[in-house]
Amino acid sequence: MRVRAALAGVALLLAGCGAPASSDQVGFEGGDGTVTIIPAEDRTHAPVLAGETLDGDTVSTGDFAGRPIVVNVWGSWCAPCRAEAPELVEASENLGDSVAFLGVNTRDLDVAPAQAFERAFGVPYPSIYDPDGELLLGFGQLPPKAIPSTVVIDEDGLVAARVLGALDATTLEGIISDVGAGA
């Protein structure tokens, strides 16, 4: 009986990275690592993402105007997000101040697990707490519809790329390079 309960718990955890938590929240699907880079002439303005961070401060993508922004959508309950976190930390360190990083924590109903996630992985950049996924609705052309998802906004504030699913530091750094080159 305990084995069956444990297996059911694992199945629910794995399903959580792809299925909506409830009918009133943004629906997410599983990501397969698909990378989409938009040519410079086809990019559209990114929505301004602003809100309270997991630490109680406020942050906005407007705070990072003039440089590329990596927006990563994650949840503490998501196994691929845990696998991806060290890669994002590495990319953030490798790219330094030339690129801003901003997390969007979604579907965590309490900030405590999200804060523990950031501490465990040494995440050096802020994350907006967005339990209902409402902030993500503004991405029309390339919605971050998987968890994890990463959207790259270029230095002009235009949506330049999206990755649905976990990514590694090398891939992200390559995307940043391509976006900067107008690819």
N, C-alpha and C. Protein backbone atom coordinates (compact mmCIF):
# COMPACT_ATOMS: atom_id res chain seq x y z
N MET A 1 0.82 -1.19 0.00
CA MET A 1 0.00 0.00 0.00
C MET A 1 0.86 1.25 0.00
N ARG A 2 1.93 1.26 0.80
CA ARG A 2 2.81 2.43 0.84
C ARG A 2 3.51 2.63 -0.50
N VAL A 3 3.89 1.52 -1.14
CA VAL A 3 4.56 1.62 -2.44
C VAL A 3 3.60 2.24 -3.45
N ARG A 4 2.35 1.82 -3.44
CA ARG A 4 1.35 2.36 -4.36
C ARG A 4 1.15 3.85 -4.10
N ALA A 5 1.10 4.26 -2.86
CA ALA A 5 0.93 5.68 -2.52
C ALA A 5 2.15 6.48 -2.96
N ALA A 6 3.34 5.92 -2.77
CA ALA A 6 4.56 6.61 -3.19
C ALA A 6 4.60 6.77 -4.71
N LEU A 7 4.22 5.71 -5.45
CA LEU A 7 4.19 5.79 -6.90
C LEU A 7 3.17 6.81 -7.38
N ALA A 8 2.03 6.87 -6.72
CA ALA A 8 1.02 7.85 -7.08
C ALA A 8 1.54 9.27 -6.84
N GLY A 9 2.27 9.46 -5.75
CA GLY A 9 2.85 10.77 -5.46
C GLY A 9 3.87 11.18 -6.50
N VAL A 10 4.72 10.24 -6.93
CA VAL A 10 5.71 10.53 -7.96
C VAL A 10 5.01 10.87 -9.27
N ALA A 11 3.98 10.13 -9.61
CA ALA A 11 3.24 10.41 -10.85
C ALA A 11 2.61 11.80 -10.81
N LEU A 12 2.06 12.19 -9.68
CA LEU A 12 1.48 13.52 -9.56
C LEU A 12 2.54 14.61 -9.67
N LEU A 13 3.70 14.39 -9.07
CA LEU A 13 4.78 15.36 -9.15
C LEU A 13 5.24 15.54 -10.58
N LEU A 14 5.45 14.43 -11.30
CA LEU A 14 5.88 14.52 -12.69
C LEU A 14 4.81 15.14 -13.57
N ALA A 15 3.57 14.85 -13.32
CA ALA A 15 2.49 15.43 -14.11
C ALA A 15 2.37 16.92 -13.85
N GLY A 16 2.78 17.36 -12.67
CA GLY A 16 2.67 18.77 -12.32
C GLY A 16 3.47 19.69 -13.20
N CYS A 17 4.51 19.21 -13.86
CA CYS A 17 5.31 20.05 -14.73
C CYS A 17 4.65 20.27 -16.07
N GLY A 18 3.54 19.58 -16.34
CA GLY A 18 2.91 19.77 -17.62
C GLY A 18 1.44 20.13 -17.56
N ALA A 19 0.76 19.77 -16.52
CA ALA A 19 -0.68 19.98 -16.46
C ALA A 19 -1.01 21.20 -15.64
N PRO A 20 -2.12 21.88 -15.97
CA PRO A 20 -2.51 23.02 -15.17
C PRO A 20 -2.88 22.59 -13.76
N ALA A 21 -2.58 23.46 -12.80
CA ALA A 21 -2.88 23.15 -11.41
C ALA A 21 -4.38 23.18 -11.16
N SER A 22 -5.08 24.07 -11.83
CA SER A 22 -6.53 24.14 -11.72
C SER A 22 -7.06 24.87 -12.92
N SER A 23 -8.35 24.84 -13.12
CA SER A 23 -8.94 25.43 -14.30
C SER A 23 -8.85 26.95 -14.31
N ASP A 24 -8.58 27.60 -13.16
CA ASP A 24 -8.50 29.06 -13.15
C ASP A 24 -7.08 29.57 -13.29
N GLN A 25 -6.12 28.70 -13.50
CA GLN A 25 -4.74 29.12 -13.68
C GLN A 25 -4.34 28.95 -15.13
N VAL A 26 -3.25 29.60 -15.51
CA VAL A 26 -2.72 29.47 -16.85
C VAL A 26 -2.40 28.02 -17.11
N GLY A 27 -2.79 27.48 -18.27
CA GLY A 27 -2.48 26.11 -18.61
C GLY A 27 -1.06 25.99 -19.13
N PHE A 28 -0.32 25.02 -18.63
CA PHE A 28 1.04 24.79 -19.06
C PHE A 28 1.13 23.40 -19.65
N GLU A 29 2.09 23.21 -20.54
CA GLU A 29 2.32 21.89 -21.12
C GLU A 29 3.77 21.51 -20.90
N GLY A 30 4.07 20.28 -21.12
CA GLY A 30 5.45 19.84 -20.97
C GLY A 30 6.32 20.44 -22.06
N GLY A 31 7.54 20.82 -21.71
CA GLY A 31 8.46 21.39 -22.68
C GLY A 31 9.40 20.34 -23.21
N ASP A 32 9.72 20.43 -24.48
CA ASP A 32 10.61 19.44 -25.09
C ASP A 32 11.97 20.05 -25.45
N GLY A 33 12.24 21.26 -24.96
CA GLY A 33 13.51 21.91 -25.24
C GLY A 33 13.53 22.68 -26.54
N THR A 34 12.38 22.85 -27.17
CA THR A 34 12.31 23.58 -28.43
C THR A 34 12.80 25.01 -28.25
N VAL A 35 13.73 25.41 -29.11
CA VAL A 35 14.27 26.77 -29.10
C VAL A 35 13.70 27.51 -30.31
N THR A 36 13.14 28.68 -30.07
CA THR A 36 12.64 29.54 -31.13
C THR A 36 13.35 30.88 -31.04
N ILE A 37 14.03 31.26 -32.09
CA ILE A 37 14.68 32.58 -32.15
C ILE A 37 13.98 33.37 -33.25
N ILE A 38 13.55 34.57 -32.90
CA ILE A 38 12.82 35.42 -33.84
C ILE A 38 13.81 36.36 -34.53
N PRO A 39 13.77 36.42 -35.86
CA PRO A 39 14.62 37.38 -36.56
C PRO A 39 14.33 38.81 -36.06
N ALA A 40 15.35 39.64 -36.02
CA ALA A 40 15.24 40.99 -35.45
C ALA A 40 14.07 41.77 -36.05
N GLU A 41 13.85 41.66 -37.34
CA GLU A 41 12.79 42.43 -38.00
C GLU A 41 11.38 41.95 -37.65
N ASP A 42 11.24 40.77 -37.06
CA ASP A 42 9.92 40.21 -36.73
C ASP A 42 9.59 40.26 -35.24
N ARG A 43 10.45 40.83 -34.44
CA ARG A 43 10.24 40.85 -32.99
C ARG A 43 9.19 41.87 -32.58
N THR A 44 8.45 41.52 -31.52
CA THR A 44 7.44 42.42 -30.96
C THR A 44 7.82 42.80 -29.53
N HIS A 45 7.23 43.89 -29.06
CA HIS A 45 7.55 44.38 -27.71
C HIS A 45 7.15 43.35 -26.65
N ALA A 46 8.02 43.19 -25.71
CA ALA A 46 7.75 42.30 -24.57
C ALA A 46 6.86 43.05 -23.59
N PRO A 47 6.01 42.32 -22.90
CA PRO A 47 5.23 42.98 -21.84
C PRO A 47 6.16 43.38 -20.70
N VAL A 48 5.77 44.40 -19.99
CA VAL A 48 6.52 44.77 -18.79
C VAL A 48 6.09 43.82 -17.69
N LEU A 49 7.05 43.11 -17.14
CA LEU A 49 6.78 42.22 -16.02
C LEU A 49 7.22 42.93 -14.76
N ALA A 50 6.31 43.08 -13.83
CA ALA A 50 6.63 43.77 -12.57
C ALA A 50 5.87 43.11 -11.45
N GLY A 51 6.49 43.07 -10.29
CA GLY A 51 5.80 42.49 -9.15
C GLY A 51 6.71 42.37 -7.96
N GLU A 52 6.16 41.72 -6.95
CA GLU A 52 6.89 41.51 -5.71
C GLU A 52 7.76 40.27 -5.85
N THR A 53 9.00 40.41 -5.40
CA THR A 53 9.92 39.28 -5.45
C THR A 53 9.65 38.34 -4.28
N LEU A 54 10.31 37.20 -4.31
CA LEU A 54 10.18 36.24 -3.23
C LEU A 54 10.69 36.79 -1.91
N ASP A 55 11.54 37.81 -1.98
CA ASP A 55 12.09 38.45 -0.78
C ASP A 55 11.28 39.66 -0.33
N GLY A 56 10.19 39.98 -1.04
CA GLY A 56 9.34 41.09 -0.64
C GLY A 56 9.70 42.43 -1.26
N ASP A 57 10.74 42.47 -2.10
CA ASP A 57 11.08 43.69 -2.82
C ASP A 57 10.20 43.78 -4.07
N THR A 58 10.36 44.84 -4.83
CA THR A 58 9.67 44.92 -6.12
C THR A 58 10.71 45.00 -7.22
N VAL A 59 10.37 44.45 -8.37
CA VAL A 59 11.26 44.46 -9.52
C VAL A 59 10.42 44.53 -10.78
N SER A 60 11.01 45.07 -11.82
CA SER A 60 10.35 45.19 -13.11
C SER A 60 11.36 44.95 -14.21
N THR A 61 10.91 44.43 -15.32
CA THR A 61 11.81 44.31 -16.46
C THR A 61 12.27 45.69 -16.90
N GLY A 62 11.50 46.73 -16.62
CA GLY A 62 11.91 48.09 -16.92
C GLY A 62 13.18 48.49 -16.19
N ASP A 63 13.47 47.84 -15.06
CA ASP A 63 14.70 48.12 -14.32
C ASP A 63 15.95 47.74 -15.10
N PHE A 64 15.78 46.91 -16.13
CA PHE A 64 16.91 46.37 -16.88
C PHE A 64 16.97 46.90 -18.31
N ALA A 65 16.29 48.01 -18.57
CA ALA A 65 16.23 48.58 -19.92
C ALA A 65 17.63 48.78 -20.49
N GLY A 66 17.77 48.48 -21.78
CA GLY A 66 19.03 48.70 -22.46
C GLY A 66 19.96 47.50 -22.51
N ARG A 67 19.57 46.42 -21.87
CA ARG A 67 20.36 45.19 -21.97
C ARG A 67 19.43 44.00 -22.11
N PRO A 68 19.94 42.91 -22.66
CA PRO A 68 19.10 41.72 -22.80
C PRO A 68 18.64 41.22 -21.42
N ILE A 69 17.45 40.62 -21.42
CA ILE A 69 16.89 40.07 -20.19
C ILE A 69 16.51 38.61 -20.44
N VAL A 70 16.95 37.74 -19.56
CA VAL A 70 16.55 36.34 -19.58
C VAL A 70 15.46 36.19 -18.52
N VAL A 71 14.26 35.81 -18.96
CA VAL A 71 13.14 35.59 -18.05
C VAL A 71 12.90 34.09 -17.99
N ASN A 72 13.09 33.52 -16.80
CA ASN A 72 12.91 32.08 -16.63
C ASN A 72 11.69 31.82 -15.76
N VAL A 73 10.77 31.02 -16.28
CA VAL A 73 9.54 30.65 -15.57
C VAL A 73 9.77 29.29 -14.92
N TRP A 74 9.55 29.22 -13.61
CA TRP A 74 9.87 28.01 -12.88
C TRP A 74 8.93 27.81 -11.70
N GLY A 75 8.95 26.60 -11.16
CA GLY A 75 8.22 26.27 -9.93
C GLY A 75 9.09 25.37 -9.07
N SER A 76 9.01 25.54 -7.78
CA SER A 76 9.84 24.73 -6.88
C SER A 76 9.49 23.25 -6.92
N TRP A 77 8.29 22.92 -7.33
CA TRP A 77 7.76 21.57 -7.38
C TRP A 77 8.17 20.83 -8.65
N CYS A 78 8.82 21.54 -9.59
CA CYS A 78 9.08 21.03 -10.94
C CYS A 78 10.48 20.41 -11.03
N ALA A 79 10.55 19.10 -11.28
CA ALA A 79 11.83 18.40 -11.37
C ALA A 79 12.73 18.96 -12.47
N PRO A 80 12.22 19.23 -13.69
CA PRO A 80 13.10 19.83 -14.70
C PRO A 80 13.63 21.21 -14.29
N CYS A 81 12.85 21.95 -13.51
CA CYS A 81 13.32 23.26 -13.02
C CYS A 81 14.49 23.08 -12.08
N ARG A 82 14.44 22.05 -11.24
CA ARG A 82 15.56 21.77 -10.33
C ARG A 82 16.80 21.35 -11.11
N ALA A 83 16.63 20.60 -12.17
CA ALA A 83 17.76 20.19 -13.00
C ALA A 83 18.34 21.39 -13.75
N GLU A 84 17.51 22.32 -14.13
CA GLU A 84 17.93 23.48 -14.92
C GLU A 84 18.57 24.58 -14.07
N ALA A 85 18.20 24.69 -12.81
CA ALA A 85 18.64 25.81 -11.96
C ALA A 85 20.15 26.00 -11.94
N PRO A 86 20.96 24.96 -11.75
CA PRO A 86 22.42 25.18 -11.75
C PRO A 86 22.93 25.71 -13.09
N GLU A 87 22.28 25.33 -14.18
CA GLU A 87 22.67 25.81 -15.51
C GLU A 87 22.39 27.30 -15.65
N LEU A 88 21.25 27.74 -15.13
CA LEU A 88 20.92 29.17 -15.19
C LEU A 88 21.86 29.98 -14.32
N VAL A 89 22.19 29.45 -13.15
CA VAL A 89 23.14 30.13 -12.27
C VAL A 89 24.49 30.26 -12.98
N GLU A 90 24.94 29.19 -13.63
CA GLU A 90 26.21 29.21 -14.37
C GLU A 90 26.17 30.25 -15.49
N ALA A 91 25.09 30.26 -16.28
CA ALA A 91 24.97 31.22 -17.38
C ALA A 91 24.95 32.65 -16.84
N SER A 92 24.25 32.86 -15.74
CA SER A 92 24.19 34.18 -15.13
C SER A 92 25.59 34.64 -14.72
N GLU A 93 26.36 33.76 -14.14
CA GLU A 93 27.73 34.09 -13.73
C GLU A 93 28.63 34.33 -14.94
N ASN A 94 28.49 33.49 -15.98
CA ASN A 94 29.33 33.62 -17.17
C ASN A 94 29.04 34.91 -17.95
N LEU A 95 27.77 35.30 -18.00
CA LEU A 95 27.38 36.47 -18.78
C LEU A 95 27.55 37.77 -18.01
N GLY A 96 27.60 37.68 -16.69
CA GLY A 96 27.82 38.86 -15.86
C GLY A 96 26.73 39.91 -16.01
N ASP A 97 27.13 41.17 -15.85
CA ASP A 97 26.16 42.27 -15.88
C ASP A 97 25.70 42.66 -17.28
N SER A 98 26.24 42.03 -18.31
CA SER A 98 25.83 42.36 -19.67
C SER A 98 24.41 41.88 -19.97
N VAL A 99 23.94 40.93 -19.19
CA VAL A 99 22.59 40.37 -19.36
C VAL A 99 21.92 40.32 -18.00
N ALA A 100 20.66 40.76 -17.94
CA ALA A 100 19.89 40.68 -16.70
C ALA A 100 19.13 39.36 -16.67
N PHE A 101 18.99 38.78 -15.50
CA PHE A 101 18.20 37.56 -15.31
C PHE A 101 17.06 37.88 -14.35
N LEU A 102 15.89 37.35 -14.66
CA LEU A 102 14.71 37.52 -13.82
C LEU A 102 13.93 36.22 -13.83
N GLY A 103 13.67 35.68 -12.66
CA GLY A 103 12.83 34.49 -12.55
C GLY A 103 11.38 34.89 -12.36
N VAL A 104 10.49 34.03 -12.80
CA VAL A 104 9.07 34.17 -12.51
C VAL A 104 8.63 32.85 -11.89
N ASN A 105 8.42 32.87 -10.59
CA ASN A 105 7.98 31.68 -9.88
C ASN A 105 6.47 31.57 -10.02
N THR A 106 6.01 30.44 -10.53
CA THR A 106 4.58 30.27 -10.75
C THR A 106 4.08 28.96 -10.15
N ARG A 107 2.83 28.98 -9.76
CA ARG A 107 2.09 27.84 -9.23
C ARG A 107 2.60 27.33 -7.89
N ASP A 108 3.48 28.07 -7.23
CA ASP A 108 3.80 27.78 -5.83
C ASP A 108 2.79 28.58 -5.01
N LEU A 109 1.99 27.91 -4.23
CA LEU A 109 0.94 28.59 -3.48
C LEU A 109 1.46 29.31 -2.24
N ASP A 110 2.72 29.06 -1.89
CA ASP A 110 3.35 29.70 -0.74
C ASP A 110 4.77 30.05 -1.16
N VAL A 111 5.30 31.17 -0.68
CA VAL A 111 6.65 31.58 -1.07
C VAL A 111 7.74 30.73 -0.41
N ALA A 112 7.46 30.07 0.70
CA ALA A 112 8.50 29.34 1.43
C ALA A 112 9.20 28.28 0.57
N PRO A 113 8.49 27.41 -0.15
CA PRO A 113 9.20 26.43 -0.98
C PRO A 113 10.02 27.09 -2.09
N ALA A 114 9.52 28.18 -2.64
CA ALA A 114 10.25 28.90 -3.69
C ALA A 114 11.52 29.53 -3.12
N GLN A 115 11.41 30.11 -1.93
CA GLN A 115 12.60 30.68 -1.29
C GLN A 115 13.63 29.59 -0.99
N ALA A 116 13.18 28.44 -0.54
CA ALA A 116 14.08 27.33 -0.25
C ALA A 116 14.77 26.86 -1.54
N PHE A 117 14.03 26.82 -2.64
CA PHE A 117 14.59 26.46 -3.95
C PHE A 117 15.73 27.40 -4.31
N GLU A 118 15.48 28.71 -4.20
CA GLU A 118 16.51 29.69 -4.56
C GLU A 118 17.75 29.57 -3.66
N ARG A 119 17.53 29.34 -2.37
CA ARG A 119 18.67 29.16 -1.45
C ARG A 119 19.45 27.90 -1.81
N ALA A 120 18.74 26.81 -2.07
CA ALA A 120 19.40 25.53 -2.35
C ALA A 120 20.28 25.60 -3.60
N PHE A 121 19.85 26.36 -4.59
CA PHE A 121 20.60 26.43 -5.83
C PHE A 121 21.46 27.68 -5.95
N GLY A 122 21.43 28.54 -4.95
CA GLY A 122 22.24 29.75 -4.97
C GLY A 122 21.86 30.70 -6.10
N VAL A 123 20.57 30.83 -6.36
CA VAL A 123 20.10 31.69 -7.45
C VAL A 123 20.43 33.15 -7.10
N PRO A 124 21.26 33.81 -7.93
CA PRO A 124 21.73 35.15 -7.59
C PRO A 124 20.83 36.29 -8.08
N TYR A 125 19.81 35.99 -8.85
CA TYR A 125 18.96 37.03 -9.43
C TYR A 125 17.55 36.94 -8.82
N PRO A 126 16.77 38.03 -8.92
CA PRO A 126 15.44 38.03 -8.30
C PRO A 126 14.42 37.20 -9.07
N SER A 127 13.40 36.78 -8.35
CA SER A 127 12.26 36.10 -8.96
C SER A 127 10.98 36.76 -8.49
N ILE A 128 10.11 37.05 -9.43
CA ILE A 128 8.79 37.58 -9.11
C ILE A 128 7.91 36.41 -8.69
N TYR A 129 7.14 36.62 -7.64
CA TYR A 129 6.19 35.61 -7.17
C TYR A 129 4.88 35.80 -7.92
N ASP A 130 4.51 34.83 -8.76
CA ASP A 130 3.33 34.90 -9.62
C ASP A 130 2.56 33.57 -9.54
N PRO A 131 1.92 33.30 -8.40
CA PRO A 131 1.33 31.97 -8.19
C PRO A 131 0.27 31.58 -9.21
N ASP A 132 -0.41 32.55 -9.81
CA ASP A 132 -1.47 32.24 -10.77
C ASP A 132 -1.03 32.32 -12.23
N GLY A 133 0.21 32.72 -12.47
CA GLY A 133 0.70 32.83 -13.84
C GLY A 133 0.12 34.00 -14.61
N GLU A 134 -0.44 34.97 -13.91
CA GLU A 134 -1.08 36.11 -14.59
C GLU A 134 -0.09 36.97 -15.36
N LEU A 135 1.12 37.13 -14.85
CA LEU A 135 2.11 37.97 -15.53
C LEU A 135 2.46 37.43 -16.91
N LEU A 136 2.35 36.15 -17.08
CA LEU A 136 2.79 35.51 -18.31
C LEU A 136 1.81 35.68 -19.46
N LEU A 137 0.62 36.16 -19.17
CA LEU A 137 -0.41 36.29 -20.20
C LEU A 137 -0.06 37.33 -21.25
N GLY A 138 0.83 38.27 -20.94
CA GLY A 138 1.18 39.33 -21.87
C GLY A 138 2.07 38.89 -23.02
N PHE A 139 2.64 37.70 -22.96
CA PHE A 139 3.49 37.23 -24.04
C PHE A 139 2.61 36.64 -25.13
N GLY A 140 2.27 37.46 -26.14
CA GLY A 140 1.39 37.00 -27.20
C GLY A 140 2.08 36.14 -28.22
N GLN A 141 3.18 36.62 -28.80
CA GLN A 141 3.85 35.94 -29.91
C GLN A 141 4.51 34.63 -29.47
N LEU A 142 5.18 34.65 -28.33
CA LEU A 142 5.87 33.46 -27.83
C LEU A 142 5.52 33.23 -26.37
N PRO A 143 4.33 32.75 -26.07
CA PRO A 143 3.99 32.55 -24.66
C PRO A 143 4.85 31.47 -24.01
N PRO A 144 5.30 31.73 -22.78
CA PRO A 144 6.06 30.71 -22.05
C PRO A 144 5.09 29.69 -21.47
N LYS A 145 4.65 28.74 -22.28
CA LYS A 145 3.56 27.86 -21.91
C LYS A 145 3.98 26.51 -21.34
N ALA A 146 5.24 26.36 -21.04
CA ALA A 146 5.73 25.15 -20.39
C ALA A 146 6.49 25.57 -19.13
N ILE A 147 6.62 24.65 -18.23
CA ILE A 147 7.43 24.90 -17.05
C ILE A 147 8.49 23.81 -17.03
N PRO A 148 9.76 24.19 -17.08
CA PRO A 148 10.27 25.55 -17.18
C PRO A 148 10.18 26.09 -18.60
N SER A 149 10.18 27.41 -18.72
CA SER A 149 10.28 28.13 -19.98
C SER A 149 11.24 29.28 -19.77
N THR A 150 11.91 29.65 -20.83
CA THR A 150 12.81 30.80 -20.77
C THR A 150 12.53 31.68 -21.98
N VAL A 151 12.35 32.96 -21.73
CA VAL A 151 12.14 33.95 -22.79
C VAL A 151 13.31 34.93 -22.73
N VAL A 152 13.87 35.23 -23.89
CA VAL A 152 14.94 36.22 -23.97
C VAL A 152 14.37 37.48 -24.61
N ILE A 153 14.55 38.59 -23.90
CA ILE A 153 14.13 39.91 -24.39
C ILE A 153 15.40 40.63 -24.79
N ASP A 154 15.43 41.19 -26.01
CA ASP A 154 16.66 41.85 -26.46
C ASP A 154 16.82 43.23 -25.82
N GLU A 155 17.94 43.89 -26.11
CA GLU A 155 18.25 45.17 -25.47
C GLU A 155 17.28 46.27 -25.86
N ASP A 156 16.47 46.05 -26.89
CA ASP A 156 15.46 47.02 -27.30
C ASP A 156 14.09 46.73 -26.69
N GLY A 157 14.01 45.71 -25.82
CA GLY A 157 12.75 45.36 -25.17
C GLY A 157 11.83 44.51 -26.02
N LEU A 158 12.39 43.83 -27.00
CA LEU A 158 11.61 42.99 -27.91
C LEU A 158 11.82 41.52 -27.59
N VAL A 159 10.75 40.73 -27.72
CA VAL A 159 10.85 39.29 -27.48
C VAL A 159 11.67 38.69 -28.62
N ALA A 160 12.81 38.09 -28.25
CA ALA A 160 13.76 37.62 -29.25
C ALA A 160 13.86 36.10 -29.34
N ALA A 161 13.57 35.40 -28.24
CA ALA A 161 13.72 33.94 -28.25
C ALA A 161 12.92 33.33 -27.11
N ARG A 162 12.66 32.03 -27.28
CA ARG A 162 11.96 31.27 -26.23
C ARG A 162 12.45 29.84 -26.27
N VAL A 163 12.57 29.26 -25.08
CA VAL A 163 12.88 27.83 -24.94
C VAL A 163 11.77 27.23 -24.09
N LEU A 164 11.13 26.19 -24.61
CA LEU A 164 10.10 25.47 -23.85
C LEU A 164 10.75 24.22 -23.27
N GLY A 165 10.94 24.24 -21.97
CA GLY A 165 11.60 23.12 -21.30
C GLY A 165 12.94 23.57 -20.75
N ALA A 166 13.61 22.64 -20.10
CA ALA A 166 14.90 22.93 -19.47
C ALA A 166 15.97 23.17 -20.52
N LEU A 167 16.94 24.03 -20.17
CA LEU A 167 18.06 24.28 -21.06
C LEU A 167 19.35 24.29 -20.25
N ASP A 168 20.47 24.21 -20.96
CA ASP A 168 21.76 24.25 -20.27
C ASP A 168 22.43 25.60 -20.52
N ALA A 169 23.49 25.86 -19.76
CA ALA A 169 24.18 27.15 -19.82
C ALA A 169 24.72 27.43 -21.22
N THR A 170 25.31 26.44 -21.86
CA THR A 170 25.89 26.63 -23.19
C THR A 170 24.83 27.04 -24.20
N THR A 171 23.68 26.37 -24.16
CA THR A 171 22.59 26.71 -25.08
C THR A 171 22.11 28.14 -24.83
N LEU A 172 21.91 28.50 -23.58
CA LEU A 172 21.44 29.85 -23.26
C LEU A 172 22.45 30.90 -23.70
N GLU A 173 23.71 30.66 -23.44
CA GLU A 173 24.74 31.61 -23.84
C GLU A 173 24.78 31.75 -25.37
N GLY A 174 24.57 30.66 -26.09
CA GLY A 174 24.50 30.70 -27.55
C GLY A 174 23.30 31.50 -28.04
N ILE A 175 22.17 31.32 -27.37
CA ILE A 175 20.97 32.09 -27.73
C ILE A 175 21.22 33.57 -27.53
N ILE A 176 21.82 33.93 -26.40
CA ILE A 176 22.13 35.35 -26.12
C ILE A 176 23.03 35.90 -27.21
N SER A 177 24.03 35.14 -27.62
CA SER A 177 24.94 35.56 -28.68
C SER A 177 24.19 35.76 -29.99
N ASP A 178 23.32 34.80 -30.36
CA ASP A 178 22.54 34.89 -31.59
C ASP A 178 21.60 36.10 -31.56
N VAL A 179 20.95 36.31 -30.43
CA VAL A 179 20.02 37.43 -30.30
C VAL A 179 20.76 38.76 -30.45
N GLY A 180 21.93 38.86 -29.83
CA GLY A 180 22.73 40.07 -29.93
C GLY A 180 23.22 40.34 -31.33
N ALA A 181 23.39 39.27 -32.11
CA ALA A 181 23.85 39.41 -33.50
C ALA A 181 22.69 39.67 -34.45
N GLY A 182 21.46 39.75 -33.89
CA GLY A 182 20.30 40.01 -34.75
C GLY A 182 19.79 38.80 -35.48
N ALA A 183 20.21 37.60 -35.06
CA ALA A 183 19.80 36.37 -35.72
C ALA A 183 18.30 36.15 -35.61
